[in-house]
Amino acid sequence: MSQRLEGCCGMHAVCEKELLMATGAEPIDYFDDEELDRFRGRAADAYSEEEEEEFREVLLTTLPREVAEWLKSLQMRGIELPEGVRDEALMIVSEN
């Protein structure tokens, strides 16, 4: 069986796709979202509504075909999505 990324539950296609694409030395792509770096290390259930909206704004301005790459970028940067936004992002990824 394939090795899993740290923090990946293995239950979502996004994690598996990220595992296949992760190389360790791969540069991080930003999606005009550098301001989200301040949330590095924060738990998914520890965001205020205003902070969650910051993530949602980036999600909604990201092309649907690029959402999986955005999620990979966040993971590589140590940023957990707020729970509500994560569900929305996974829905977009599953539709594409």
Protein backbone atom coordinates (compact mmCIF):
# COMPACT_ATOMS: atom_id res chain seq x y z
CA MET A 1 0.00 0.00 0.00
CA SER A 2 1.15 3.56 -0.65
CA GLN A 3 2.67 5.75 2.02
CA ARG A 4 0.39 8.50 3.40
CA LEU A 5 1.26 12.15 3.93
CA GLU A 6 1.54 13.25 7.54
CA GLY A 7 -1.85 14.53 8.66
CA CYS A 8 -3.68 12.77 5.82
CA CYS A 9 -6.53 10.56 6.94
CA GLY A 10 -6.55 8.65 3.64
CA MET A 11 -10.30 9.01 3.32
CA HIS A 12 -10.35 11.70 0.65
CA ALA A 13 -9.26 11.68 -2.98
CA VAL A 14 -7.53 15.02 -2.43
CA CYS A 15 -5.07 13.51 0.05
CA GLU A 16 -4.30 10.60 -2.27
CA LYS A 17 -3.77 12.96 -5.21
CA GLU A 18 -1.46 15.11 -3.08
CA LEU A 19 0.52 12.05 -2.05
CA LEU A 20 1.15 11.15 -5.67
CA MET A 21 2.26 14.69 -6.48
CA ALA A 22 4.35 15.39 -3.36
CA THR A 23 8.10 15.15 -3.84
CA GLY A 24 9.43 16.94 -0.77
CA ALA A 25 11.54 19.32 -2.87
CA GLU A 26 8.62 20.62 -4.90
CA PRO A 27 8.19 24.41 -4.80
CA ILE A 28 5.01 25.70 -3.20
CA ASP A 29 2.54 27.41 -5.53
CA TYR A 30 0.66 30.37 -4.10
CA PHE A 31 -2.82 31.36 -5.26
CA ASP A 32 -2.63 35.04 -4.31
CA ASP A 33 -3.23 33.86 -0.75
CA GLU A 34 -0.01 34.65 1.10
CA GLU A 35 -2.04 36.28 3.88
CA LEU A 36 -3.28 32.82 4.88
CA ASP A 37 0.24 31.86 6.00
CA ARG A 38 -0.50 33.48 9.35
CA PHE A 39 -2.83 30.53 10.07
CA ARG A 40 -0.02 27.97 9.86
CA GLY A 41 -0.46 25.41 12.63
CA ARG A 42 -4.02 26.44 13.55
CA ALA A 43 -6.55 23.62 14.00
CA ALA A 44 -9.44 23.37 11.53
CA ASP A 45 -11.99 24.03 14.27
CA ALA A 46 -10.23 27.08 15.73
CA TYR A 47 -11.20 29.77 13.19
CA SER A 48 -13.57 32.67 13.69
CA GLU A 49 -16.34 33.24 11.15
CA GLU A 50 -14.40 36.19 9.72
CA GLU A 51 -11.27 34.07 9.29
CA GLU A 52 -13.28 31.29 7.67
CA GLU A 53 -14.61 33.84 5.18
CA GLU A 54 -11.02 34.72 4.18
CA PHE A 55 -10.48 31.11 3.13
CA ARG A 56 -13.87 30.95 1.42
CA GLU A 57 -13.04 34.08 -0.61
CA VAL A 58 -9.86 32.46 -1.94
CA LEU A 59 -11.72 29.21 -2.64
CA LEU A 60 -14.45 30.98 -4.59
CA THR A 61 -11.94 32.94 -6.67
CA THR A 62 -9.89 29.84 -7.51
CA LEU A 63 -10.73 28.03 -10.74
CA PRO A 64 -12.48 24.73 -9.95
CA ARG A 65 -9.78 22.77 -11.80
CA GLU A 66 -7.14 24.38 -9.54
CA VAL A 67 -8.80 23.75 -6.16
CA ALA A 68 -6.91 20.46 -5.59
CA GLU A 69 -3.64 22.31 -6.23
CA TRP A 70 -4.68 25.05 -3.80
CA LEU A 71 -5.39 22.43 -1.14
CA LYS A 72 -1.98 20.92 -1.79
CA SER A 73 -0.38 24.35 -1.42
CA LEU A 74 -2.10 24.88 1.93
CA GLN A 75 -1.06 21.45 3.16
CA MET A 76 2.57 22.01 2.14
CA ARG A 77 2.46 25.31 4.08
CA GLY A 78 1.03 23.65 7.21
CA ILE A 79 -2.34 25.40 6.95
CA GLU A 80 -5.53 23.54 7.84
CA LEU A 81 -8.73 24.68 6.17
CA PRO A 82 -11.63 25.66 8.40
CA GLU A 83 -14.02 22.70 8.57
CA GLY A 84 -16.85 24.34 6.59
CA VAL A 85 -14.57 25.52 3.81
CA ARG A 86 -12.89 22.11 3.65
CA ASP A 87 -16.25 20.47 2.93
CA GLU A 88 -16.95 22.99 0.18
CA ALA A 89 -13.49 22.50 -1.35
CA LEU A 90 -13.80 18.71 -1.33
CA MET A 91 -17.16 18.97 -3.06
CA ILE A 92 -15.61 21.10 -5.81
CA VAL A 93 -12.73 18.65 -6.22
CA SER A 94 -15.08 15.66 -6.41
CA GLU A 95 -17.11 17.41 -9.13
CA ASN A 96 -14.03 17.96 -11.30
